[in-house]
C-alpha atoms as a PDB file:
ATOM      1  CA  MET A   1       0.000   0.000   0.000  1.00  0.00           C
ATOM      2  CA  ALA A   2       1.541   3.282  -1.073  1.00  0.00           C
ATOM      3  CA  ALA A   3       2.113   5.770   1.731  1.00  0.00           C
ATOM      4  CA  PRO A   4       1.128   9.402   1.271  1.00  0.00           C
ATOM      5  CA  ARG A   5       3.966  11.663   0.314  1.00  0.00           C
ATOM      6  CA  ARG A   6       5.339  13.330   3.406  1.00  0.00           C
ATOM      7  CA  PRO A   7       7.438  16.424   3.951  1.00  0.00           C
ATOM      8  CA  SER A   8      11.146  15.708   3.826  1.00  0.00           C
ATOM      9  CA  LEU A   9      12.217  14.174   7.114  1.00  0.00           C
ATOM     10  CA  PHE A  10      15.716  15.540   6.922  1.00  0.00           C
ATOM     11  CA  ALA A  11      15.604  19.244   6.142  1.00  0.00           C
ATOM     12  CA  GLY A  12      18.884  20.295   4.606  1.00  0.00           C
ATOM     13  CA  VAL A  13      19.731  16.610   4.363  1.00  0.00           C
ATOM     14  CA  LEU A  14      23.266  16.948   3.001  1.00  0.00           C
ATOM     15  CA  LEU A  15      24.290  19.317   5.792  1.00  0.00           C
ATOM     16  CA  ALA A  16      22.470  17.169   8.291  1.00  0.00           C
ATOM     17  CA  ILE A  17      24.318  14.038   7.198  1.00  0.00           C
ATOM     18  CA  VAL A  18      27.687  15.798   7.512  1.00  0.00           C
ATOM     19  CA  TRP A  19      26.677  17.013  10.943  1.00  0.00           C
ATOM     20  CA  CYS A  20      25.544  13.584  12.044  1.00  0.00           C
ATOM     21  CA  LEU A  21      28.604  11.801  10.747  1.00  0.00           C
ATOM     22  CA  THR A  22      30.897  14.148  12.653  1.00  0.00           C
ATOM     23  CA  THR A  23      29.001  14.398  15.943  1.00  0.00           C
ATOM     24  CA  ALA A  24      26.436  12.416  17.889  1.00  0.00           C
ATOM     25  CA  CYS A  25      25.195  10.288  14.992  1.00  0.00           C
ATOM     26  CA  ALA A  26      28.656   9.186  13.899  1.00  0.00           C
ATOM     27  CA  ARG A  27      28.789   6.049  15.999  1.00  0.00           C
ATOM     28  CA  ASP A  28      28.282   2.875  13.992  1.00  0.00           C
ATOM     29  CA  GLY A  29      27.917   0.067  16.467  1.00  0.00           C
ATOM     30  CA  ASP A  30      29.957   1.946  19.052  1.00  0.00           C
ATOM     31  CA  SER A  31      27.510   1.370  21.878  1.00  0.00           C
ATOM     32  CA  THR A  32      28.848   1.634  25.399  1.00  0.00           C
ATOM     33  CA  PRO A  33      29.849  -1.941  26.160  1.00  0.00           C
ATOM     34  CA  PRO A  34      27.768  -3.508  28.882  1.00  0.00           C
ATOM     35  CA  GLY A  35      29.966  -3.943  31.937  1.00  0.00           C
ATOM     36  CA  SER A  36      32.237  -1.013  31.084  1.00  0.00           C
ATOM     37  CA  THR A  37      30.810   0.841  34.084  1.00  0.00           C
ATOM     38  CA  PRO A  38      29.916  -0.545  37.487  1.00  0.00           C
ATOM     39  CA  PRO A  39      26.457  -2.122  37.510  1.00  0.00           C
ATOM     40  CA  PRO A  40      23.737  -0.064  39.195  1.00  0.00           C
ATOM     41  CA  ALA A  41      22.705  -0.883  42.702  1.00  0.00           C
ATOM     42  CA  ALA A  42      19.988  -3.492  42.961  1.00  0.00           C
ATOM     43  CA  ALA A  43      16.552  -1.946  42.621  1.00  0.00           C
ATOM     44  CA  PRO A  44      14.066  -2.356  45.458  1.00  0.00           C
ATOM     45  CA  ALA A  45      11.906  -5.456  45.171  1.00  0.00           C
ATOM     46  CA  ALA A  46       8.816  -3.343  44.411  1.00  0.00           C
ATOM     47  CA  ASP A  47      10.573  -1.716  41.438  1.00  0.00           C
ATOM     48  CA  ARG A  48      11.812  -5.057  40.126  1.00  0.00           C
ATOM     49  CA  ALA A  49       8.253  -6.378  40.220  1.00  0.00           C
ATOM     50  CA  ARG A  50       6.836  -3.514  38.136  1.00  0.00           C
ATOM     51  CA  PRO A  51       6.173  -4.433  34.510  1.00  0.00           C
ATOM     52  CA  LYS A  52       8.648  -2.661  32.260  1.00  0.00           C
ATOM     53  CA  ILE A  53       8.663  -1.097  28.826  1.00  0.00           C
ATOM     54  CA  VAL A  54      12.118  -0.857  27.256  1.00  0.00           C
ATOM     55  CA  VAL A  55      12.666   1.713  24.526  1.00  0.00           C
ATOM     56  CA  LEU A  56      15.571   0.513  22.379  1.00  0.00           C
ATOM     57  CA  GLY A  57      16.519   3.377  20.115  1.00  0.00           C
ATOM     58  CA  ASP A  58      18.904   6.056  18.944  1.00  0.00           C
ATOM     59  CA  SER A  59      19.141   9.805  19.581  1.00  0.00           C
ATOM     60  CA  LEU A  60      15.437  10.265  18.895  1.00  0.00           C
ATOM     61  CA  SER A  61      14.748   8.148  21.993  1.00  0.00           C
ATOM     62  CA  ALA A  62      17.747   9.372  23.974  1.00  0.00           C
ATOM     63  CA  GLY A  63      16.459  12.926  23.560  1.00  0.00           C
ATOM     64  CA  LEU A  64      19.532  14.525  22.027  1.00  0.00           C
ATOM     65  CA  GLY A  65      19.477  18.290  22.540  1.00  0.00           C
ATOM     66  CA  ILE A  66      16.701  18.345  25.137  1.00  0.00           C
ATOM     67  CA  ALA A  67      16.475  17.369  28.789  1.00  0.00           C
ATOM     68  CA  PRO A  68      16.017  13.629  29.438  1.00  0.00           C
ATOM     69  CA  SER A  69      12.777  14.453  31.224  1.00  0.00           C
ATOM     70  CA  GLN A  70      11.439  15.955  27.990  1.00  0.00           C
ATOM     71  CA  ALA A  71      12.352  13.049  25.696  1.00  0.00           C
ATOM     72  CA  TYR A  72       9.428  10.975  24.518  1.00  0.00           C
ATOM     73  CA  PRO A  73      10.185   7.903  26.729  1.00  0.00           C
ATOM     74  CA  ALA A  74       9.956  10.105  29.843  1.00  0.00           C
ATOM     75  CA  ARG A  75       6.718  11.546  28.525  1.00  0.00           C
ATOM     76  CA  LEU A  76       5.382   8.015  28.081  1.00  0.00           C
ATOM     77  CA  GLN A  77       6.212   7.360  31.720  1.00  0.00           C
ATOM     78  CA  LYS A  78       4.221  10.435  32.701  1.00  0.00           C
ATOM     79  CA  LYS A  79       1.245   9.266  30.651  1.00  0.00           C
ATOM     80  CA  LEU A  80       1.363   5.875  32.348  1.00  0.00           C
ATOM     81  CA  ASP A  81       1.598   7.472  35.784  1.00  0.00           C
ATOM     82  CA  GLU A  82      -1.313   9.788  35.065  1.00  0.00           C
ATOM     83  CA  ALA A  83      -3.362   6.809  33.914  1.00  0.00           C
ATOM     84  CA  GLY A  84      -2.642   5.058  37.198  1.00  0.00           C
ATOM     85  CA  GLU A  85      -0.589   2.363  35.495  1.00  0.00           C
ATOM     86  CA  GLN A  86       2.198   0.817  37.567  1.00  0.00           C
ATOM     87  CA  TRP A  87       4.583   0.443  34.631  1.00  0.00           C
ATOM     88  CA  GLU A  88       8.193   1.563  34.367  1.00  0.00           C
ATOM     89  CA  VAL A  89       9.638   2.934  31.119  1.00  0.00           C
ATOM     90  CA  VAL A  90      13.350   2.208  30.635  1.00  0.00           C
ATOM     91  CA  ASN A  91      15.036   4.501  28.112  1.00  0.00           C
ATOM     92  CA  ALA A  92      17.681   2.429  26.315  1.00  0.00           C
ATOM     93  CA  GLY A  93      18.249   5.006  23.583  1.00  0.00           C
ATOM     94  CA  ILE A  94      21.840   5.760  22.594  1.00  0.00           C
ATOM     95  CA  SER A  95      22.659   8.569  20.197  1.00  0.00           C
ATOM     96  CA  GLY A  96      24.171   7.385  16.937  1.00  0.00           C
ATOM     97  CA  ASP A  97      23.047   3.786  17.133  1.00  0.00           C
ATOM     98  CA  THR A  98      22.267   1.991  13.906  1.00  0.00           C
ATOM     99  CA  SER A  99      20.202  -1.175  13.767  1.00  0.00           C
ATOM    100  CA  ALA A 100      23.468  -3.127  13.954  1.00  0.00           C
ATOM    101  CA  ALA A 101      24.481  -1.340  17.146  1.00  0.00           C
ATOM    102  CA  GLY A 102      21.071  -1.988  18.648  1.00  0.00           C
ATOM    103  CA  LEU A 103      21.381  -5.679  17.857  1.00  0.00           C
ATOM    104  CA  GLN A 104      24.752  -5.775  19.599  1.00  0.00           C
ATOM    105  CA  ARG A 105      23.237  -4.593  22.874  1.00  0.00           C
ATOM    106  CA  VAL A 106      19.736  -6.024  22.753  1.00  0.00           C
ATOM    107  CA  ASP A 107      20.507  -8.872  25.158  1.00  0.00           C
ATOM    108  CA  TRP A 108      21.848  -6.378  27.671  1.00  0.00           C
ATOM    109  CA  ALA A 109      18.865  -4.051  27.169  1.00  0.00           C
ATOM    110  CA  LEU A 110      16.423  -6.897  27.778  1.00  0.00           C
ATOM    111  CA  ASP A 111      18.291  -8.328  30.746  1.00  0.00           C
ATOM    112  CA  ALA A 112      16.010  -7.085  33.518  1.00  0.00           C
ATOM    113  CA  PRO A 113      13.123  -8.637  35.422  1.00  0.00           C
ATOM    114  CA  ASN A 114       9.561  -8.351  34.169  1.00  0.00           C
ATOM    115  CA  ILE A 115      10.109  -6.633  30.820  1.00  0.00           C
ATOM    116  CA  ARG A 116       6.767  -6.906  29.058  1.00  0.00           C
ATOM    117  CA  ILE A 117       7.034  -4.576  26.051  1.00  0.00           C
ATOM    118  CA  LEU A 118       9.868  -3.481  23.747  1.00  0.00           C
ATOM    119  CA  VAL A 119       9.488  -0.261  21.772  1.00  0.00           C
ATOM    120  CA  LEU A 120      11.907  -0.769  18.879  1.00  0.00           C
ATOM    121  CA  GLU A 121      12.999   2.597  17.466  1.00  0.00           C
ATOM    122  CA  LEU A 122      15.982   2.029  15.195  1.00  0.00           C
ATOM    123  CA  GLY A 123      16.853   2.595  11.563  1.00  0.00           C
ATOM    124  CA  ALA A 124      17.071   6.382  11.285  1.00  0.00           C
ATOM    125  CA  ASN A 125      20.859   6.315  11.238  1.00  0.00           C
ATOM    126  CA  ASP A 126      20.875   3.452   8.734  1.00  0.00           C
ATOM    127  CA  GLY A 127      18.799   5.681   6.481  1.00  0.00           C
ATOM    128  CA  LEU A 128      20.955   8.744   7.040  1.00  0.00           C
ATOM    129  CA  ARG A 129      24.023   6.833   5.854  1.00  0.00           C
ATOM    130  CA  GLY A 130      22.338   4.955   3.059  1.00  0.00           C
ATOM    131  CA  LEU A 131      23.188   1.598   4.602  1.00  0.00           C
ATOM    132  CA  PRO A 132      21.740  -1.471   2.875  1.00  0.00           C
ATOM    133  CA  VAL A 133      18.052  -1.850   3.623  1.00  0.00           C
ATOM    134  CA  GLY A 134      18.348  -5.625   3.578  1.00  0.00           C
ATOM    135  CA  GLN A 135      20.903  -5.567   6.366  1.00  0.00           C
ATOM    136  CA  MET A 136      18.828  -3.152   8.441  1.00  0.00           C
ATOM    137  CA  LYS A 137      15.822  -5.408   8.011  1.00  0.00           C
ATOM    138  CA  LYS A 138      17.859  -8.429   9.070  1.00  0.00           C
ATOM    139  CA  ASN A 139      19.108  -6.617  12.189  1.00  0.00           C
ATOM    140  CA  LEU A 140      15.626  -5.490  13.213  1.00  0.00           C
ATOM    141  CA  ALA A 141      14.282  -8.986  12.605  1.00  0.00           C
ATOM    142  CA  ALA A 142      16.923 -10.442  14.912  1.00  0.00           C
ATOM    143  CA  ILE A 143      16.006  -7.947  17.647  1.00  0.00           C
ATOM    144  CA  ILE A 144      12.312  -8.805  17.329  1.00  0.00           C
ATOM    145  CA  GLU A 145      13.124 -12.512  17.497  1.00  0.00           C
ATOM    146  CA  ARG A 146      15.210 -12.039  20.662  1.00  0.00           C
ATOM    147  CA  ALA A 147      12.327 -10.197  22.304  1.00  0.00           C
ATOM    148  CA  GLN A 148       9.725 -12.742  21.251  1.00  0.00           C
ATOM    149  CA  GLN A 149      11.883 -15.571  22.544  1.00  0.00           C
ATOM    150  CA  LYS A 150      11.609 -13.858  25.934  1.00  0.00           C
ATOM    151  CA  ARG A 151       7.839 -13.456  25.489  1.00  0.00           C
ATOM    152  CA  ILE A 152       8.215  -9.688  25.233  1.00  0.00           C
ATOM    153  CA  ALA A 153       5.676  -7.889  23.050  1.00  0.00           C
ATOM    154  CA  VAL A 154       7.203  -5.591  20.428  1.00  0.00           C
ATOM    155  CA  LEU A 155       6.029  -2.233  19.142  1.00  0.00           C
ATOM    156  CA  LEU A 156       7.919  -1.435  15.931  1.00  0.00           C
ATOM    157  CA  THR A 157       8.256   2.247  15.048  1.00  0.00           C
ATOM    158  CA  GLY A 158       8.790   3.077  11.391  1.00  0.00           C
ATOM    159  CA  MET A 159      11.104   5.683   9.962  1.00  0.00           C
ATOM    160  CA  GLU A 160      11.546   7.442   6.616  1.00  0.00           C
ATOM    161  CA  ALA A 161      14.788   7.564   4.642  1.00  0.00           C
ATOM    162  CA  PRO A 162      16.147  10.858   3.271  1.00  0.00           C
ATOM    163  CA  PRO A 163      15.380  11.482  -0.397  1.00  0.00           C
ATOM    164  CA  ASN A 164      18.966  11.978  -1.562  1.00  0.00           C
ATOM    165  CA  PHE A 165      19.540   8.221  -1.968  1.00  0.00           C
ATOM    166  CA  GLY A 166      16.786   7.971  -4.546  1.00  0.00           C
ATOM    167  CA  SER A 167      13.144   6.963  -4.622  1.00  0.00           C
ATOM    168  CA  GLU A 168      13.878   3.236  -4.821  1.00  0.00           C
ATOM    169  CA  TYR A 169      15.833   3.375  -1.569  1.00  0.00           C
ATOM    170  CA  VAL A 170      13.102   5.448   0.129  1.00  0.00           C
ATOM    171  CA  VAL A 171      10.358   3.025  -0.884  1.00  0.00           C
ATOM    172  CA  SER A 172      12.274  -0.113   0.076  1.00  0.00           C
ATOM    173  CA  PHE A 173      13.289   1.460   3.403  1.00  0.00           C
ATOM    174  CA  ARG A 174       9.662   2.222   4.265  1.00  0.00           C
ATOM    175  CA  GLN A 175       8.503  -1.204   3.126  1.00  0.00           C
ATOM    176  CA  ALA A 176      11.042  -2.985   5.340  1.00  0.00           C
ATOM    177  CA  TYR A 177       9.128  -1.947   8.461  1.00  0.00           C
ATOM    178  CA  ARG A 178       5.820  -3.060   7.002  1.00  0.00           C
ATOM    179  CA  ASP A 179       7.263  -6.409   6.011  1.00  0.00           C
ATOM    180  CA  LEU A 180       8.675  -6.968   9.479  1.00  0.00           C
ATOM    181  CA  ALA A 181       5.399  -6.073  11.178  1.00  0.00           C
ATOM    182  CA  LYS A 182       3.540  -8.529   8.989  1.00  0.00           C
ATOM    183  CA  GLU A 183       6.114 -11.323   9.249  1.00  0.00           C
ATOM    184  CA  TYR A 184       6.387 -11.175  13.029  1.00  0.00           C
ATOM    185  CA  ASN A 185       2.804 -10.091  13.722  1.00  0.00           C
ATOM    186  CA  VAL A 186       3.798  -7.009  15.707  1.00  0.00           C
ATOM    187  CA  PRO A 187       2.048  -3.632  15.783  1.00  0.00           C
ATOM    188  CA  LEU A 188       3.656  -0.932  13.649  1.00  0.00           C
ATOM    189  CA  LEU A 189       3.659   2.807  14.172  1.00  0.00           C
ATOM    190  CA  PRO A 190       4.195   3.700  10.500  1.00  0.00           C
ATOM    191  CA  PHE A 191       6.204   6.881  11.097  1.00  0.00           C
ATOM    192  CA  LEU A 192       7.592   7.857  14.486  1.00  0.00           C
ATOM    193  CA  LEU A 193       7.948  11.531  13.512  1.00  0.00           C
ATOM    194  CA  ASP A 194       4.507  11.958  12.016  1.00  0.00           C
ATOM    195  CA  LYS A 195       3.335  15.598  12.336  1.00  0.00           C
ATOM    196  CA  VAL A 196       6.874  16.569  13.417  1.00  0.00           C
ATOM    197  CA  ALA A 197       9.215  15.884  10.482  1.00  0.00           C
ATOM    198  CA  GLY A 198       9.617  18.826   8.152  1.00  0.00           C
ATOM    199  CA  VAL A 199       8.056  21.301  10.590  1.00  0.00           C
ATOM    200  CA  PRO A 200      10.814  23.801  11.501  1.00  0.00           C
ATOM    201  CA  ALA A 201       9.181  24.937  14.737  1.00  0.00           C
ATOM    202  CA  LEU A 202       9.102  21.352  16.021  1.00  0.00           C
ATOM    203  CA  ASN A 203      12.708  20.491  15.185  1.00  0.00           C
ATOM    204  CA  GLN A 204      16.052  21.659  16.444  1.00  0.00           C
ATOM    205  CA  ALA A 205      18.495  23.558  14.230  1.00  0.00           C
ATOM    206  CA  ASP A 206      19.809  20.316  12.715  1.00  0.00           C
ATOM    207  CA  GLY A 207      16.405  19.641  11.181  1.00  0.00           C
ATOM    208  CA  ILE A 208      16.456  16.093  12.557  1.00  0.00           C
ATOM    209  CA  HIS A 209      15.890  16.022  16.298  1.00  0.00           C
ATOM    210  CA  PRO A 210      12.587  17.189  17.794  1.00  0.00           C
ATOM    211  CA  THR A 211      12.329  20.152  20.101  1.00  0.00           C
ATOM    212  CA  VAL A 212      10.557  19.831  23.426  1.00  0.00           C
ATOM    213  CA  GLU A 213       7.270  20.512  21.643  1.00  0.00           C
ATOM    214  CA  GLY A 214       8.116  18.014  18.914  1.00  0.00           C
ATOM    215  CA  ALA A 215       8.993  15.334  21.453  1.00  0.00           C
ATOM    216  CA  ALA A 216       5.566  15.791  23.029  1.00  0.00           C
ATOM    217  CA  ILE A 217       3.937  14.985  19.685  1.00  0.00           C
ATOM    218  CA  VAL A 218       6.205  11.962  19.215  1.00  0.00           C
ATOM    219  CA  ALA A 219       5.107  10.716  22.645  1.00  0.00           C
ATOM    220  CA  ASP A 220       1.477  11.107  21.568  1.00  0.00           C
ATOM    221  CA  ASN A 221       2.217   9.138  18.384  1.00  0.00           C
ATOM    222  CA  VAL A 222       3.754   6.279  20.338  1.00  0.00           C
ATOM    223  CA  TRP A 223       1.079   6.358  23.028  1.00  0.00           C
ATOM    224  CA  THR A 224      -1.696   5.701  20.516  1.00  0.00           C
ATOM    225  CA  MET A 225      -0.064   2.341  19.766  1.00  0.00           C
ATOM    226  CA  LEU A 226       1.364   1.612  23.199  1.00  0.00           C
ATOM    227  CA  LYS A 227      -1.726   2.080  25.346  1.00  0.00           C
ATOM    228  CA  PRO A 228      -3.663  -0.822  23.772  1.00  0.00           C
ATOM    229  CA  MET A 229      -0.617  -3.032  24.366  1.00  0.00           C
ATOM    230  CA  VAL A 230      -0.472  -2.004  28.025  1.00  0.00           C
ATOM    231  CA  ASP A 231      -4.200  -2.635  28.382  1.00  0.00           C
ATOM    232  CA  ALA A 232      -3.878  -6.051  26.759  1.00  0.00           C
ATOM    233  CA  ALA A 233      -0.974  -7.003  29.020  1.00  0.00           C
ATOM    234  CA  ALA A 234      -3.034  -6.146  32.072  1.00  0.00           C
ATOM    235  CA  ARG A 235      -5.815  -8.568  31.099  1.00  0.00           C
END
């Protein structure tokens, strides 16, 4: 099914790519190795018992350029709290991560008690660099499989590729998410940055990362798909 034409996700894409490849987005699989820092103190038993939602993502999840409390995972936590839900959102977003980097750390990200839902937000950096769509799809598939082996429900968030790699790349990139959702029977948020991408007032100067106001809309986008999953898990 053809998707409606959207505003360009990456305003000033050539400058944005140069910026990303020389700063926060330049890491290709360079995730902080698990165990490189002392492990956190054991959480209280009540916290360990809370059902958890892990957001495995890149700078869009990490909240690059805004306060962590304003990033969309923190906003999801606030929505859950306001709804009286006893869930904990764990932000496992690392700026610069590609799908390959996310795959490298997925076992670590999912190594906690009572994880019930994985929000999988990866692929933007693959698209920025024009990495092979087939490899991205393979990496995301492996992450979904790891989660499903642990009986963790997956919410897949789609992304759009920049137009400078050609229409064929853009279409195949978009289709990869749809194929994965169908193959693994997981819900798909078609475009994480819907209503945000291409809107200058909702993006930082790089044209890529949402402002505080943009992050609020992203949280709303995710919440529309996440809330039914939370409700279903509670039944």
